[in-house]
């Protein structure tokens, strides 16, 4: 039969690990929620960007003919 001191030590170690597990679980869940909301808010900002159409550049045929490089 174990003594009271041995049972108290075993229970104390188990409580320490239990408290550490609860704290780490709370931290992990909190950080996961924070990073998920950060990602969602920034993703919506990125996807809602309005872009203006870029004008197409035309080749200057008359300017090319003036250079007389085609012959």
N, C-alpha and C. Protein backbone atom coordinates (compact mmCIF):
# COMPACT_ATOMS: atom_id res chain seq x y z
N UNK A 1 0.84 -1.17 0.00
CA UNK A 1 0.00 0.00 0.00
C UNK A 1 0.89 1.25 0.00
N UNK A 2 0.50 2.23 -0.82
CA UNK A 2 1.29 3.46 -0.92
C UNK A 2 0.97 4.38 0.24
N UNK A 3 1.97 5.15 0.58
CA UNK A 3 1.77 6.09 1.67
C UNK A 3 1.06 7.33 1.16
N UNK A 4 0.60 8.11 2.09
CA UNK A 4 -0.11 9.35 1.74
C UNK A 4 0.80 10.31 0.98
N UNK A 5 2.07 10.34 1.34
CA UNK A 5 3.04 11.23 0.70
C UNK A 5 3.24 10.84 -0.76
N UNK A 6 3.32 9.54 -1.04
CA UNK A 6 3.49 9.08 -2.42
C UNK A 6 2.25 9.40 -3.27
N UNK A 7 1.08 9.20 -2.66
CA UNK A 7 -0.15 9.54 -3.39
C UNK A 7 -0.25 11.04 -3.64
N UNK A 8 0.17 11.83 -2.67
CA UNK A 8 0.13 13.28 -2.82
C UNK A 8 1.08 13.73 -3.92
N UNK A 9 2.28 13.14 -3.99
CA UNK A 9 3.24 13.50 -5.04
C UNK A 9 2.70 13.12 -6.42
N UNK A 10 2.14 11.92 -6.52
CA UNK A 10 1.60 11.47 -7.80
C UNK A 10 0.45 12.37 -8.23
N UNK A 11 -0.44 12.69 -7.32
CA UNK A 11 -1.57 13.56 -7.61
C UNK A 11 -1.08 14.96 -7.98
N UNK A 12 -0.04 15.44 -7.31
CA UNK A 12 0.51 16.77 -7.60
C UNK A 12 1.09 16.84 -9.00
N UNK A 13 1.81 15.80 -9.42
CA UNK A 13 2.37 15.79 -10.78
C UNK A 13 1.25 15.72 -11.83
N UNK A 14 0.24 14.92 -11.55
CA UNK A 14 -0.87 14.83 -12.49
C UNK A 14 -1.61 16.15 -12.60
N UNK A 15 -1.80 16.83 -11.48
CA UNK A 15 -2.48 18.13 -11.52
C UNK A 15 -1.63 19.15 -12.28
N UNK A 16 -0.32 19.10 -12.10
CA UNK A 16 0.56 20.01 -12.84
C UNK A 16 0.46 19.80 -14.33
N UNK A 17 0.47 18.54 -14.76
CA UNK A 17 0.33 18.25 -16.18
C UNK A 17 -1.06 18.63 -16.69
N UNK A 18 -2.08 18.41 -15.89
CA UNK A 18 -3.44 18.77 -16.29
C UNK A 18 -3.57 20.28 -16.46
N UNK A 19 -3.04 21.03 -15.53
CA UNK A 19 -3.09 22.50 -15.61
C UNK A 19 -2.31 22.98 -16.83
N UNK A 20 -1.13 22.41 -17.07
CA UNK A 20 -0.33 22.79 -18.24
C UNK A 20 -1.08 22.45 -19.54
N UNK A 21 -1.75 21.30 -19.57
CA UNK A 21 -2.49 20.91 -20.77
C UNK A 21 -3.65 21.86 -21.02
N UNK A 22 -4.35 22.25 -19.96
CA UNK A 22 -5.48 23.17 -20.11
C UNK A 22 -4.99 24.53 -20.59
N UNK A 23 -3.92 25.02 -20.02
CA UNK A 23 -3.37 26.33 -20.42
C UNK A 23 -2.92 26.29 -21.88
N UNK A 24 -2.20 25.23 -22.27
CA UNK A 24 -1.73 25.14 -23.65
C UNK A 24 -2.90 24.98 -24.63
N UNK A 25 -3.94 24.28 -24.21
CA UNK A 25 -5.12 24.15 -25.07
C UNK A 25 -5.80 25.50 -25.26
N UNK A 26 -5.93 26.27 -24.19
CA UNK A 26 -6.54 27.60 -24.29
C UNK A 26 -5.71 28.51 -25.19
N UNK A 27 -4.40 28.47 -25.03
CA UNK A 27 -3.51 29.29 -25.86
C UNK A 27 -3.61 28.88 -27.33
N UNK A 28 -3.62 27.58 -27.59
CA UNK A 28 -3.70 27.09 -28.97
C UNK A 28 -5.02 27.47 -29.62
N UNK A 29 -6.13 27.31 -28.90
CA UNK A 29 -7.43 27.68 -29.46
C UNK A 29 -7.51 29.18 -29.68
N UNK A 30 -7.01 29.96 -28.73
CA UNK A 30 -7.04 31.41 -28.87
C UNK A 30 -6.22 31.90 -30.05
N UNK A 31 -5.02 31.36 -30.20
CA UNK A 31 -4.18 31.77 -31.33
C UNK A 31 -4.78 31.30 -32.65
N UNK A 32 -5.38 30.13 -32.67
CA UNK A 32 -6.00 29.64 -33.90
C UNK A 32 -7.15 30.55 -34.32
N UNK A 33 -7.98 30.95 -33.39
CA UNK A 33 -9.09 31.86 -33.69
C UNK A 33 -8.56 33.21 -34.16
N UNK A 34 -7.53 33.72 -33.48
CA UNK A 34 -6.96 35.02 -33.86
C UNK A 34 -6.39 34.97 -35.27
N UNK A 35 -5.60 33.93 -35.58
CA UNK A 35 -4.99 33.84 -36.90
C UNK A 35 -6.03 33.58 -37.99
N UNK A 36 -7.06 32.84 -37.67
CA UNK A 36 -8.11 32.59 -38.66
C UNK A 36 -8.87 33.87 -38.98
N UNK A 37 -9.21 34.67 -37.97
CA UNK A 37 -9.90 35.94 -38.23
C UNK A 37 -8.98 36.91 -38.97
N UNK A 38 -7.69 36.91 -38.63
CA UNK A 38 -6.72 37.75 -39.34
C UNK A 38 -6.65 37.35 -40.81
N UNK A 39 -6.62 36.05 -41.08
CA UNK A 39 -6.54 35.56 -42.45
C UNK A 39 -7.80 35.90 -43.22
N UNK A 40 -8.95 35.70 -42.63
CA UNK A 40 -10.21 35.97 -43.32
C UNK A 40 -10.36 37.46 -43.61
N UNK A 41 -10.03 38.31 -42.66
CA UNK A 41 -10.19 39.75 -42.88
C UNK A 41 -9.23 40.25 -43.96
N UNK A 42 -8.01 39.76 -43.97
CA UNK A 42 -7.06 40.19 -45.00
C UNK A 42 -7.36 39.56 -46.35
N UNK A 43 -7.91 38.37 -46.35
CA UNK A 43 -8.26 37.73 -47.61
C UNK A 43 -9.39 38.48 -48.29
N UNK A 44 -10.37 38.94 -47.53
CA UNK A 44 -11.45 39.72 -48.14
C UNK A 44 -10.93 41.05 -48.66
N UNK A 45 -9.96 41.65 -47.98
CA UNK A 45 -9.37 42.90 -48.49
C UNK A 45 -8.64 42.66 -49.81
N UNK A 46 -7.96 41.56 -49.91
CA UNK A 46 -7.21 41.25 -51.13
C UNK A 46 -8.16 40.94 -52.28
N UNK A 47 -9.21 40.19 -52.01
CA UNK A 47 -10.11 39.80 -53.08
C UNK A 47 -11.02 40.93 -53.54
N UNK A 48 -11.18 41.99 -52.77
CA UNK A 48 -12.04 43.11 -53.14
C UNK A 48 -11.29 44.25 -53.80
N UNK A 49 -10.08 44.03 -54.25
CA UNK A 49 -9.29 45.09 -54.87
C UNK A 49 -9.86 45.39 -56.26
N UNK A 50 -10.09 46.66 -56.53
CA UNK A 50 -10.60 47.09 -57.83
C UNK A 50 -9.40 47.47 -58.70
N UNK A 51 -9.35 46.90 -59.87
CA UNK A 51 -8.26 47.22 -60.79
C UNK A 51 -8.83 47.97 -61.98
N UNK A 52 -8.07 48.94 -62.44
CA UNK A 52 -8.51 49.68 -63.62
C UNK A 52 -7.92 49.00 -64.85
N UNK A 53 -8.67 48.98 -65.95
CA UNK A 53 -8.15 48.32 -67.15
C UNK A 53 -6.95 49.07 -67.72
N UNK A 54 -5.99 48.32 -68.16
CA UNK A 54 -4.77 48.89 -68.72
C UNK A 54 -4.98 49.11 -70.21
N UNK A 55 -4.62 50.29 -70.68
CA UNK A 55 -4.80 50.57 -72.10
C UNK A 55 -3.78 49.77 -72.91
N UNK A 56 -4.23 49.31 -74.06
CA UNK A 56 -3.34 48.53 -74.92
C UNK A 56 -2.46 49.47 -75.72
N UNK A 57 -1.24 49.06 -75.96
CA UNK A 57 -0.31 49.88 -76.72
C UNK A 57 -0.38 49.46 -78.18
N UNK A 58 -0.43 50.46 -79.04
CA UNK A 58 -0.51 50.22 -80.47
C UNK A 58 0.88 50.36 -81.09
N UNK A 59 1.15 49.50 -82.04
CA UNK A 59 2.42 49.58 -82.75
C UNK A 59 2.36 50.73 -83.75
N UNK A 60 3.38 51.56 -83.77
CA UNK A 60 3.44 52.72 -84.66
C UNK A 60 3.99 52.29 -86.02
N UNK A 61 3.09 51.97 -86.94
CA UNK A 61 3.52 51.49 -88.25
C UNK A 61 4.14 52.61 -89.07
N UNK A 62 3.57 53.79 -89.00
CA UNK A 62 4.11 54.92 -89.78
C UNK A 62 5.51 55.29 -89.29
N UNK A 63 5.69 55.27 -87.98
CA UNK A 63 7.03 55.56 -87.45
C UNK A 63 8.03 54.51 -87.87
N UNK A 64 7.61 53.24 -87.94
CA UNK A 64 8.50 52.17 -88.39
C UNK A 64 8.88 52.35 -89.86
N UNK A 65 7.89 52.75 -90.66
CA UNK A 65 8.17 52.96 -92.09
C UNK A 65 9.12 54.13 -92.30
N UNK A 66 9.05 55.15 -91.44
CA UNK A 66 9.94 56.30 -91.56
C UNK A 66 11.40 55.92 -91.27
N UNK A 67 11.61 54.87 -90.48
CA UNK A 67 12.97 54.44 -90.16
C UNK A 67 13.65 53.71 -91.33
N UNK A 68 12.89 53.27 -92.28
CA UNK A 68 13.41 52.54 -93.46
C UNK A 68 14.24 51.33 -93.05
N UNK A 69 13.76 50.57 -92.10
CA UNK A 69 14.47 49.37 -91.67
C UNK A 69 13.91 48.12 -92.35
N UNK A 70 12.80 48.23 -93.04
CA UNK A 70 12.17 47.07 -93.64
C UNK A 70 12.80 46.65 -94.94
N UNK A 71 13.75 47.36 -95.48
CA UNK A 71 14.32 47.04 -96.79
C UNK A 71 15.74 46.58 -96.70
